[in-house]
Amino acid sequence: MAETKQNDGSQAADIAPAKTIDTSGAPQQLVPDVDMSHPAVDDNPRAGRSVLQNKIDFNDPTIPGHQAVADALNEQGVETMDQDEVAEAAKKSKNK
């Protein structure tokens, strides 16, 4: 009978490459030993979020994340400030 070697954690994981892409744009790769009930794992990240919150698409690799959020909020009629406006508002608040 062949001897079975245990992976002590330092060897490369034997996880098959993804063959499909999730709607979020992430590769769907099954990792067999992830405990989905563990408190550090969010198995339902959109739970409790509004329809408007779920409409925001953060997956635009051509712009920084904060800009994607601001653009999505602006498209929905929510005003945002650019970095210069935030710095100016912070300065005014500090001087009060």
Protein backbone atom coordinates (compact mmCIF):
# COMPACT_ATOMS: atom_id res chain seq x y z
CA MET A 1 0.00 0.00 0.00
CA ALA A 2 1.32 3.48 -0.90
CA GLU A 3 2.23 5.76 1.95
CA THR A 4 0.04 8.89 2.22
CA LYS A 5 1.95 12.07 3.11
CA GLN A 6 0.17 14.72 5.14
CA ASN A 7 0.55 18.35 4.13
CA ASP A 8 1.90 20.16 7.21
CA GLY A 9 0.77 23.47 5.73
CA SER A 10 4.07 24.50 4.18
CA GLN A 11 3.57 22.68 0.87
CA ALA A 12 1.65 24.21 -2.03
CA ALA A 13 -2.11 23.75 -1.78
CA ASP A 14 -3.67 21.34 -4.25
CA ILE A 15 -6.67 23.45 -5.31
CA ALA A 16 -7.97 23.22 -8.85
CA PRO A 17 -7.84 26.44 -10.89
CA ALA A 18 -11.05 28.38 -11.42
CA LYS A 19 -13.04 27.61 -14.55
CA THR A 20 -15.79 30.21 -14.13
CA ILE A 21 -16.07 33.84 -13.04
CA ASP A 22 -18.48 35.00 -10.35
CA THR A 23 -20.87 37.90 -11.08
CA SER A 24 -18.61 40.06 -8.91
CA GLY A 25 -15.76 39.37 -11.33
CA ALA A 26 -13.93 37.05 -8.96
CA PRO A 27 -12.73 33.64 -10.13
CA GLN A 28 -14.86 30.87 -8.62
CA GLN A 29 -12.39 28.55 -6.99
CA LEU A 30 -13.51 25.93 -4.51
CA VAL A 31 -11.37 25.84 -1.38
CA PRO A 32 -12.47 22.69 0.45
CA ASP A 33 -11.33 23.54 3.98
CA VAL A 34 -12.92 27.00 4.41
CA ASP A 35 -15.35 26.97 7.31
CA MET A 36 -18.18 29.20 6.06
CA SER A 37 -19.61 29.39 9.60
CA HIS A 38 -16.41 30.94 10.98
CA PRO A 39 -16.99 34.51 12.27
CA ALA A 40 -14.19 35.86 10.06
CA VAL A 41 -15.88 34.58 6.88
CA ASP A 42 -18.72 36.65 5.47
CA ASP A 43 -20.78 34.16 3.50
CA ASN A 44 -23.43 36.76 2.63
CA PRO A 45 -21.77 40.18 2.29
CA ARG A 46 -24.85 41.83 0.78
CA ALA A 47 -27.24 40.83 3.57
CA GLY A 48 -29.01 43.80 5.10
CA ARG A 49 -27.88 46.16 2.34
CA SER A 50 -30.34 48.30 0.41
CA VAL A 51 -31.04 48.01 -3.30
CA LEU A 52 -29.12 51.27 -3.81
CA GLN A 53 -26.09 49.98 -1.90
CA ASN A 54 -26.08 46.81 -3.98
CA LYS A 55 -26.12 48.81 -7.21
CA ILE A 56 -22.63 50.23 -6.61
CA ASP A 57 -20.06 48.48 -8.80
CA PHE A 58 -16.63 48.56 -7.15
CA ASN A 59 -15.00 46.41 -9.82
CA ASP A 60 -13.62 49.02 -12.20
CA PRO A 61 -9.86 48.42 -12.32
CA THR A 62 -9.25 51.60 -14.29
CA ILE A 63 -10.05 53.97 -11.40
CA PRO A 64 -9.30 53.96 -7.66
CA GLY A 65 -11.98 52.50 -5.37
CA HIS A 66 -12.89 55.81 -3.75
CA GLN A 67 -13.54 57.28 -7.20
CA ALA A 68 -15.75 54.33 -8.19
CA VAL A 69 -17.82 54.85 -5.03
CA ALA A 70 -18.09 58.61 -5.58
CA ASP A 71 -19.07 58.16 -9.23
CA ALA A 72 -21.74 55.59 -8.37
CA LEU A 73 -23.16 57.79 -5.62
CA ASN A 74 -23.14 60.86 -7.87
CA GLU A 75 -25.03 58.92 -10.56
CA GLN A 76 -27.68 58.20 -7.93
CA GLY A 77 -27.96 61.88 -7.02
CA VAL A 78 -25.86 61.72 -3.86
CA GLU A 79 -23.37 64.57 -3.61
CA THR A 80 -19.78 63.74 -2.72
CA MET A 81 -16.63 65.79 -2.18
CA ASP A 82 -13.32 65.40 -3.98
CA GLN A 83 -10.09 65.07 -1.98
CA ASP A 84 -9.40 68.82 -2.01
CA GLU A 85 -12.91 69.56 -0.69
CA VAL A 86 -12.48 66.95 2.05
CA ALA A 87 -9.13 68.45 3.09
CA GLU A 88 -10.60 71.96 3.14
CA ALA A 89 -13.61 70.84 5.19
CA ALA A 90 -11.31 69.04 7.65
CA LYS A 91 -9.16 72.15 7.97
CA LYS A 92 -12.22 74.34 8.66
CA SER A 93 -13.55 71.85 11.20
CA LYS A 94 -10.21 71.74 13.00
CA ASN A 95 -10.05 75.55 13.23
CA LYS A 96 -13.48 75.87 14.89
